[in-house]
N, C-alpha and C. Protein backbone atom coordinates (compact mmCIF):
# COMPACT_ATOMS: atom_id res chain seq x y z
N MET A 1 0.84 -1.18 0.00
CA MET A 1 0.00 0.00 0.00
C MET A 1 0.89 1.24 0.00
N LYS A 2 0.59 2.14 -0.93
CA LYS A 2 1.31 3.41 -1.01
C LYS A 2 0.74 4.36 0.04
N ASN A 3 1.50 5.38 0.37
CA ASN A 3 1.05 6.41 1.30
C ASN A 3 0.12 7.35 0.52
N LEU A 4 -1.13 7.46 0.93
CA LEU A 4 -2.11 8.33 0.27
C LEU A 4 -2.40 9.51 1.18
N ARG A 5 -2.38 10.72 0.60
CA ARG A 5 -2.65 11.93 1.38
C ARG A 5 -3.58 12.85 0.62
N ARG A 6 -4.44 13.54 1.37
CA ARG A 6 -5.26 14.59 0.79
C ARG A 6 -4.38 15.82 0.61
N ILE A 7 -4.43 16.39 -0.58
CA ILE A 7 -3.58 17.53 -0.91
C ILE A 7 -4.18 18.82 -0.37
N THR A 8 -3.34 19.62 0.27
CA THR A 8 -3.71 20.95 0.72
C THR A 8 -2.99 21.97 -0.17
N ARG A 9 -3.30 23.24 0.03
CA ARG A 9 -2.64 24.28 -0.77
C ARG A 9 -1.12 24.20 -0.64
N SER A 10 -0.64 23.88 0.54
CA SER A 10 0.81 23.84 0.75
C SER A 10 1.48 22.65 0.06
N GLN A 11 0.69 21.69 -0.42
CA GLN A 11 1.25 20.51 -1.09
C GLN A 11 0.98 20.49 -2.59
N ILE A 12 0.42 21.54 -3.12
CA ILE A 12 0.10 21.56 -4.55
C ILE A 12 1.33 21.30 -5.41
N GLU A 13 2.47 21.86 -5.01
CA GLU A 13 3.71 21.65 -5.77
C GLU A 13 4.01 20.16 -5.95
N ASP A 14 3.58 19.33 -5.00
CA ASP A 14 3.84 17.89 -5.07
C ASP A 14 3.21 17.26 -6.31
N ILE A 15 2.07 17.78 -6.74
CA ILE A 15 1.37 17.11 -7.85
C ILE A 15 1.40 17.88 -9.17
N VAL A 16 1.95 19.09 -9.19
CA VAL A 16 1.97 19.87 -10.43
C VAL A 16 2.61 19.10 -11.58
N PRO A 17 3.80 18.50 -11.41
CA PRO A 17 4.39 17.77 -12.54
C PRO A 17 3.51 16.62 -13.03
N LEU A 18 2.89 15.88 -12.11
CA LEU A 18 2.00 14.79 -12.51
C LEU A 18 0.75 15.31 -13.21
N PHE A 19 0.17 16.38 -12.68
CA PHE A 19 -1.02 16.98 -13.29
C PHE A 19 -0.69 17.46 -14.70
N ASP A 20 0.48 18.05 -14.87
CA ASP A 20 0.91 18.49 -16.19
C ASP A 20 1.08 17.29 -17.12
N SER A 21 1.68 16.22 -16.64
CA SER A 21 1.84 15.00 -17.45
C SER A 21 0.49 14.41 -17.84
N TYR A 22 -0.45 14.46 -16.93
CA TYR A 22 -1.82 14.00 -17.20
C TYR A 22 -2.43 14.80 -18.36
N ARG A 23 -2.27 16.11 -18.33
CA ARG A 23 -2.80 16.96 -19.39
C ARG A 23 -2.10 16.68 -20.72
N VAL A 24 -0.79 16.48 -20.68
CA VAL A 24 -0.04 16.17 -21.90
C VAL A 24 -0.50 14.83 -22.47
N PHE A 25 -0.80 13.87 -21.60
CA PHE A 25 -1.34 12.58 -22.02
C PHE A 25 -2.61 12.77 -22.85
N TYR A 26 -3.40 13.78 -22.50
CA TYR A 26 -4.63 14.08 -23.23
C TYR A 26 -4.42 15.13 -24.32
N LYS A 27 -3.18 15.22 -24.82
CA LYS A 27 -2.82 16.03 -25.99
C LYS A 27 -2.88 17.54 -25.76
N MET A 28 -2.71 17.97 -24.51
CA MET A 28 -2.64 19.39 -24.22
C MET A 28 -1.17 19.79 -24.13
N GLU A 29 -0.90 21.06 -24.35
CA GLU A 29 0.47 21.57 -24.25
C GLU A 29 0.89 21.61 -22.78
N SER A 30 2.14 21.29 -22.53
CA SER A 30 2.68 21.38 -21.17
C SER A 30 2.69 22.84 -20.72
N ASP A 31 2.22 23.08 -19.50
CA ASP A 31 2.22 24.43 -18.94
C ASP A 31 2.17 24.30 -17.42
N LEU A 32 3.35 24.20 -16.82
CA LEU A 32 3.44 23.99 -15.38
C LEU A 32 2.84 25.14 -14.58
N ASP A 33 3.05 26.37 -15.04
CA ASP A 33 2.51 27.52 -14.32
C ASP A 33 0.98 27.52 -14.34
N ALA A 34 0.40 27.24 -15.49
CA ALA A 34 -1.06 27.19 -15.59
C ALA A 34 -1.63 26.03 -14.79
N ALA A 35 -0.93 24.90 -14.80
CA ALA A 35 -1.36 23.74 -14.02
C ALA A 35 -1.37 24.08 -12.54
N LYS A 36 -0.33 24.73 -12.07
CA LYS A 36 -0.24 25.11 -10.66
C LYS A 36 -1.37 26.09 -10.31
N ALA A 37 -1.59 27.08 -11.15
CA ALA A 37 -2.64 28.07 -10.89
C ALA A 37 -4.01 27.41 -10.86
N PHE A 38 -4.26 26.50 -11.79
CA PHE A 38 -5.54 25.80 -11.85
C PHE A 38 -5.78 25.00 -10.57
N LEU A 39 -4.79 24.22 -10.17
CA LEU A 39 -4.92 23.41 -8.95
C LEU A 39 -5.07 24.28 -7.71
N ASN A 40 -4.31 25.35 -7.66
CA ASN A 40 -4.41 26.27 -6.53
C ASN A 40 -5.83 26.85 -6.43
N ASP A 41 -6.40 27.23 -7.56
CA ASP A 41 -7.78 27.76 -7.57
C ASP A 41 -8.78 26.72 -7.09
N ARG A 42 -8.63 25.48 -7.55
CA ARG A 42 -9.59 24.45 -7.15
C ARG A 42 -9.55 24.22 -5.64
N ILE A 43 -8.34 24.13 -5.08
CA ILE A 43 -8.19 23.87 -3.65
C ILE A 43 -8.59 25.11 -2.84
N SER A 44 -8.12 26.29 -3.25
CA SER A 44 -8.43 27.52 -2.52
C SER A 44 -9.92 27.80 -2.48
N ASN A 45 -10.62 27.52 -3.56
CA ASN A 45 -12.06 27.77 -3.65
C ASN A 45 -12.90 26.59 -3.16
N GLU A 46 -12.21 25.57 -2.64
CA GLU A 46 -12.88 24.36 -2.15
C GLU A 46 -13.81 23.75 -3.21
N GLU A 47 -13.31 23.71 -4.44
CA GLU A 47 -14.08 23.17 -5.56
C GLU A 47 -13.72 21.72 -5.88
N SER A 48 -12.62 21.25 -5.33
CA SER A 48 -12.24 19.87 -5.57
C SER A 48 -11.48 19.31 -4.38
N VAL A 49 -11.38 17.99 -4.38
CA VAL A 49 -10.60 17.25 -3.39
C VAL A 49 -9.60 16.43 -4.18
N ILE A 50 -8.35 16.49 -3.77
CA ILE A 50 -7.30 15.76 -4.46
C ILE A 50 -6.59 14.86 -3.46
N PHE A 51 -6.45 13.59 -3.83
CA PHE A 51 -5.64 12.65 -3.06
C PHE A 51 -4.44 12.27 -3.92
N ALA A 52 -3.28 12.21 -3.30
CA ALA A 52 -2.06 11.83 -4.01
C ALA A 52 -1.46 10.59 -3.38
N ALA A 53 -0.84 9.78 -4.23
CA ALA A 53 -0.12 8.59 -3.78
C ALA A 53 1.37 8.92 -3.78
N TYR A 54 2.03 8.54 -2.71
CA TYR A 54 3.46 8.79 -2.55
C TYR A 54 4.20 7.48 -2.37
N GLU A 55 5.39 7.45 -2.92
CA GLU A 55 6.35 6.40 -2.59
C GLU A 55 7.56 7.15 -2.05
N GLY A 56 7.75 7.05 -0.75
CA GLY A 56 8.75 7.90 -0.10
C GLY A 56 8.29 9.34 -0.24
N GLU A 57 9.14 10.18 -0.77
CA GLU A 57 8.79 11.60 -0.99
C GLU A 57 8.31 11.86 -2.41
N ASN A 58 8.33 10.83 -3.26
CA ASN A 58 7.92 10.99 -4.66
C ASN A 58 6.42 10.84 -4.82
N THR A 59 5.80 11.81 -5.48
CA THR A 59 4.38 11.73 -5.80
C THR A 59 4.26 10.89 -7.06
N ILE A 60 3.47 9.81 -7.01
CA ILE A 60 3.43 8.87 -8.13
C ILE A 60 2.04 8.75 -8.77
N GLY A 61 1.04 9.39 -8.18
CA GLY A 61 -0.29 9.35 -8.75
C GLY A 61 -1.23 10.27 -8.00
N PHE A 62 -2.37 10.56 -8.62
CA PHE A 62 -3.36 11.40 -7.95
C PHE A 62 -4.75 11.12 -8.51
N VAL A 63 -5.75 11.50 -7.73
CA VAL A 63 -7.14 11.46 -8.15
C VAL A 63 -7.75 12.79 -7.73
N GLN A 64 -8.53 13.40 -8.62
CA GLN A 64 -9.19 14.67 -8.31
C GLN A 64 -10.70 14.50 -8.43
N LEU A 65 -11.40 14.93 -7.39
CA LEU A 65 -12.85 14.80 -7.30
C LEU A 65 -13.47 16.18 -7.27
N TYR A 66 -14.56 16.35 -8.01
CA TYR A 66 -15.30 17.61 -8.02
C TYR A 66 -16.68 17.40 -7.41
N TYR A 67 -17.16 18.42 -6.74
CA TYR A 67 -18.48 18.37 -6.12
C TYR A 67 -19.58 18.63 -7.15
N THR A 68 -20.70 17.92 -7.00
CA THR A 68 -21.89 18.18 -7.82
C THR A 68 -23.12 17.79 -7.00
N PHE A 69 -24.28 18.10 -7.52
CA PHE A 69 -25.52 17.89 -6.79
C PHE A 69 -26.58 17.34 -7.72
N SER A 70 -27.53 16.62 -7.16
CA SER A 70 -28.67 16.10 -7.91
C SER A 70 -29.94 16.75 -7.38
N SER A 71 -30.62 17.47 -8.25
CA SER A 71 -31.90 18.07 -7.88
C SER A 71 -32.97 16.99 -7.71
N VAL A 72 -32.87 15.92 -8.48
CA VAL A 72 -33.86 14.85 -8.42
C VAL A 72 -33.78 14.10 -7.09
N SER A 73 -32.58 13.65 -6.73
CA SER A 73 -32.44 12.88 -5.49
C SER A 73 -32.21 13.77 -4.27
N LEU A 74 -31.97 15.05 -4.51
CA LEU A 74 -31.70 16.00 -3.43
C LEU A 74 -30.47 15.61 -2.62
N GLU A 75 -29.47 15.09 -3.34
CA GLU A 75 -28.24 14.66 -2.69
C GLU A 75 -27.02 15.23 -3.40
N LYS A 76 -25.94 15.28 -2.66
CA LYS A 76 -24.66 15.70 -3.23
C LYS A 76 -23.90 14.45 -3.69
N SER A 77 -23.10 14.60 -4.72
CA SER A 77 -22.26 13.50 -5.19
C SER A 77 -20.94 14.07 -5.68
N LEU A 78 -20.08 13.20 -6.14
CA LEU A 78 -18.75 13.59 -6.61
C LEU A 78 -18.53 13.12 -8.03
N ILE A 79 -17.77 13.89 -8.76
CA ILE A 79 -17.32 13.48 -10.10
C ILE A 79 -15.83 13.17 -9.99
N LEU A 80 -15.48 11.96 -10.33
CA LEU A 80 -14.07 11.59 -10.39
C LEU A 80 -13.60 12.05 -11.76
N ASN A 81 -12.97 13.20 -11.79
CA ASN A 81 -12.62 13.83 -13.06
C ASN A 81 -11.24 13.42 -13.56
N ASP A 82 -10.31 13.27 -12.64
CA ASP A 82 -8.92 13.01 -13.02
C ASP A 82 -8.33 11.88 -12.20
N LEU A 83 -7.72 10.95 -12.88
CA LEU A 83 -6.98 9.86 -12.25
C LEU A 83 -5.74 9.63 -13.09
N TYR A 84 -4.58 9.69 -12.44
CA TYR A 84 -3.34 9.53 -13.19
C TYR A 84 -2.28 8.89 -12.31
N VAL A 85 -1.56 7.95 -12.90
CA VAL A 85 -0.45 7.29 -12.22
C VAL A 85 0.77 7.40 -13.14
N ASP A 86 1.88 7.81 -12.58
CA ASP A 86 3.14 7.89 -13.32
C ASP A 86 3.39 6.55 -14.01
N SER A 87 3.81 6.59 -15.25
CA SER A 87 3.97 5.37 -16.05
C SER A 87 4.91 4.35 -15.39
N LYS A 88 5.88 4.81 -14.61
CA LYS A 88 6.81 3.89 -13.94
C LYS A 88 6.15 3.10 -12.82
N TYR A 89 4.98 3.54 -12.38
CA TYR A 89 4.30 2.90 -11.25
C TYR A 89 2.98 2.22 -11.63
N ARG A 90 2.71 2.13 -12.90
CA ARG A 90 1.48 1.47 -13.32
C ARG A 90 1.62 -0.04 -13.12
N LYS A 91 0.50 -0.70 -13.02
CA LYS A 91 0.44 -2.15 -12.79
C LYS A 91 0.97 -2.52 -11.41
N GLN A 92 0.90 -1.56 -10.46
CA GLN A 92 1.32 -1.81 -9.08
C GLN A 92 0.19 -1.49 -8.10
N SER A 93 -1.04 -1.46 -8.59
CA SER A 93 -2.24 -1.20 -7.78
C SER A 93 -2.37 0.23 -7.27
N VAL A 94 -1.59 1.16 -7.78
CA VAL A 94 -1.68 2.55 -7.34
C VAL A 94 -3.03 3.13 -7.75
N GLY A 95 -3.44 2.90 -9.00
CA GLY A 95 -4.73 3.39 -9.46
C GLY A 95 -5.87 2.81 -8.63
N GLN A 96 -5.79 1.55 -8.32
CA GLN A 96 -6.81 0.91 -7.50
C GLN A 96 -6.86 1.53 -6.11
N GLN A 97 -5.72 1.78 -5.53
CA GLN A 97 -5.68 2.39 -4.19
C GLN A 97 -6.29 3.79 -4.21
N LEU A 98 -6.02 4.55 -5.26
CA LEU A 98 -6.58 5.90 -5.37
C LEU A 98 -8.10 5.83 -5.56
N LEU A 99 -8.57 4.90 -6.38
CA LEU A 99 -10.02 4.73 -6.56
C LEU A 99 -10.70 4.33 -5.26
N GLU A 100 -10.08 3.42 -4.54
CA GLU A 100 -10.65 2.99 -3.26
C GLU A 100 -10.65 4.13 -2.24
N LYS A 101 -9.62 4.97 -2.27
CA LYS A 101 -9.57 6.15 -1.38
C LYS A 101 -10.72 7.10 -1.73
N ALA A 102 -10.98 7.29 -3.00
CA ALA A 102 -12.09 8.15 -3.43
C ALA A 102 -13.42 7.58 -2.96
N GLN A 103 -13.59 6.26 -3.09
CA GLN A 103 -14.82 5.61 -2.63
C GLN A 103 -14.97 5.76 -1.12
N GLN A 104 -13.90 5.57 -0.39
CA GLN A 104 -13.92 5.70 1.07
C GLN A 104 -14.31 7.12 1.47
N PHE A 105 -13.70 8.11 0.84
CA PHE A 105 -14.01 9.51 1.13
C PHE A 105 -15.48 9.80 0.85
N CYS A 106 -15.97 9.33 -0.27
CA CYS A 106 -17.36 9.52 -0.66
C CYS A 106 -18.31 8.96 0.39
N THR A 107 -18.02 7.77 0.84
CA THR A 107 -18.84 7.11 1.86
C THR A 107 -18.79 7.87 3.18
N GLN A 108 -17.58 8.18 3.62
CA GLN A 108 -17.40 8.86 4.92
C GLN A 108 -18.05 10.24 4.97
N GLN A 109 -18.06 10.93 3.83
CA GLN A 109 -18.60 12.28 3.78
C GLN A 109 -20.10 12.32 3.49
N GLY A 110 -20.72 11.16 3.30
CA GLY A 110 -22.16 11.10 3.09
C GLY A 110 -22.64 11.48 1.71
N PHE A 111 -21.80 11.33 0.71
CA PHE A 111 -22.20 11.61 -0.66
C PHE A 111 -23.02 10.45 -1.22
N LYS A 112 -23.82 10.73 -2.23
CA LYS A 112 -24.65 9.70 -2.88
C LYS A 112 -23.77 8.69 -3.61
N GLY A 113 -22.74 9.16 -4.27
CA GLY A 113 -21.86 8.27 -5.02
C GLY A 113 -20.85 9.05 -5.84
N LEU A 114 -20.16 8.34 -6.70
CA LEU A 114 -19.13 8.88 -7.58
C LEU A 114 -19.50 8.61 -9.03
N ALA A 115 -19.28 9.60 -9.87
CA ALA A 115 -19.48 9.43 -11.31
C ALA A 115 -18.14 9.63 -12.00
N LEU A 116 -17.95 8.94 -13.09
CA LEU A 116 -16.78 9.18 -13.92
C LEU A 116 -17.13 8.95 -15.37
N GLU A 117 -16.33 9.53 -16.21
CA GLU A 117 -16.47 9.38 -17.66
C GLU A 117 -15.12 8.91 -18.18
N THR A 118 -15.14 7.97 -19.11
CA THR A 118 -13.89 7.47 -19.64
C THR A 118 -14.05 7.13 -21.11
N ALA A 119 -12.95 7.08 -21.81
CA ALA A 119 -12.97 6.71 -23.23
C ALA A 119 -13.45 5.27 -23.39
N ILE A 120 -14.15 5.02 -24.48
CA ILE A 120 -14.71 3.68 -24.68
C ILE A 120 -13.64 2.61 -24.85
N ASP A 121 -12.41 3.02 -25.15
CA ASP A 121 -11.34 2.04 -25.32
C ASP A 121 -10.35 2.05 -24.14
N ASN A 122 -10.71 2.69 -23.04
CA ASN A 122 -9.83 2.76 -21.88
C ASN A 122 -9.79 1.40 -21.18
N PRO A 123 -8.61 0.77 -21.08
CA PRO A 123 -8.52 -0.54 -20.44
C PRO A 123 -8.82 -0.49 -18.94
N ALA A 124 -8.83 0.70 -18.33
CA ALA A 124 -9.13 0.81 -16.90
C ALA A 124 -10.58 0.45 -16.58
N GLN A 125 -11.42 0.31 -17.60
CA GLN A 125 -12.81 -0.07 -17.36
C GLN A 125 -12.92 -1.36 -16.56
N LYS A 126 -12.03 -2.28 -16.79
CA LYS A 126 -12.04 -3.54 -16.05
C LYS A 126 -11.82 -3.29 -14.55
N LEU A 127 -10.93 -2.37 -14.24
CA LEU A 127 -10.67 -2.03 -12.84
C LEU A 127 -11.89 -1.36 -12.22
N TYR A 128 -12.51 -0.43 -12.94
CA TYR A 128 -13.70 0.25 -12.41
C TYR A 128 -14.77 -0.78 -12.07
N GLU A 129 -15.01 -1.68 -12.98
CA GLU A 129 -16.05 -2.69 -12.77
C GLU A 129 -15.69 -3.63 -11.62
N LYS A 130 -14.42 -3.97 -11.50
CA LYS A 130 -13.95 -4.82 -10.39
C LYS A 130 -14.24 -4.16 -9.04
N LEU A 131 -14.18 -2.82 -9.00
CA LEU A 131 -14.38 -2.08 -7.76
C LEU A 131 -15.83 -1.64 -7.56
N GLY A 132 -16.74 -2.19 -8.36
CA GLY A 132 -18.16 -1.94 -8.14
C GLY A 132 -18.79 -0.82 -8.94
N TRP A 133 -18.05 -0.22 -9.84
CA TRP A 133 -18.63 0.82 -10.70
C TRP A 133 -19.51 0.14 -11.74
N GLU A 134 -20.61 0.75 -12.07
CA GLU A 134 -21.53 0.20 -13.06
C GLU A 134 -21.63 1.11 -14.27
N LYS A 135 -21.57 0.51 -15.44
CA LYS A 135 -21.69 1.25 -16.68
C LYS A 135 -23.11 1.79 -16.80
N ASP A 136 -23.23 3.04 -17.22
CA ASP A 136 -24.51 3.72 -17.36
C ASP A 136 -25.11 3.41 -18.73
N TYR A 137 -26.20 2.66 -18.75
CA TYR A 137 -26.84 2.32 -20.01
C TYR A 137 -28.16 3.06 -20.22
N HIS A 138 -28.64 3.73 -19.19
CA HIS A 138 -29.96 4.32 -19.29
C HIS A 138 -29.98 5.78 -19.75
N CYS A 139 -28.80 6.36 -20.02
CA CYS A 139 -28.79 7.74 -20.51
C CYS A 139 -27.55 7.99 -21.35
N PHE A 140 -27.62 9.04 -22.14
CA PHE A 140 -26.48 9.50 -22.93
C PHE A 140 -25.90 10.72 -22.25
N HIS A 141 -24.65 10.98 -22.49
CA HIS A 141 -24.01 12.18 -21.98
C HIS A 141 -23.74 13.10 -23.17
N TYR A 142 -24.13 14.35 -23.05
CA TYR A 142 -23.91 15.35 -24.09
C TYR A 142 -23.05 16.46 -23.52
N PHE A 143 -22.39 17.17 -24.42
CA PHE A 143 -21.58 18.31 -24.01
C PHE A 143 -21.72 19.40 -25.05
N TRP A 144 -22.00 20.61 -24.60
CA TRP A 144 -22.04 21.77 -25.48
C TRP A 144 -20.79 22.60 -25.20
N GLN A 145 -20.10 22.98 -26.26
CA GLN A 145 -18.85 23.73 -26.09
C GLN A 145 -18.99 25.12 -26.68
N VAL A 146 -18.49 26.11 -25.96
CA VAL A 146 -18.47 27.48 -26.42
C VAL A 146 -17.54 27.58 -27.63
N LYS A 147 -18.00 28.23 -28.68
CA LYS A 147 -17.16 28.44 -29.88
C LYS A 147 -16.24 29.63 -29.62
N ARG A 148 -14.95 29.41 -29.74
CA ARG A 148 -13.97 30.49 -29.48
C ARG A 148 -13.26 30.88 -30.74
């Protein structure tokens, strides 16, 4: 088991390089300053919760959760928006530990549940299903984007 910690403003520097690598993985340009500012805003404004996995003093993975609400069920829930493990530490259960930490936090804080979205070809789907996540078949997800 890796050491998992909830990230505070004073620890943002610990995950900036990983967060930047995560963005580059999704074909975005590397920008460490923007990544740091973005994470700082999320934590400062209490808009997200971030857990990081450490091996010694090295940050090797993270999961970021965003708050959301359901008007229908009148409950709060979380969106698991970001999950990333350094390529050198994959296949060592780090992702599983981070997912389980997110589930534990969700349960302890009284949230309805966790939602996530993933690519249809993402091999991590097997892990999600192993940990009790269920594929959503009863609705479609749409996104409208501002034209810039």
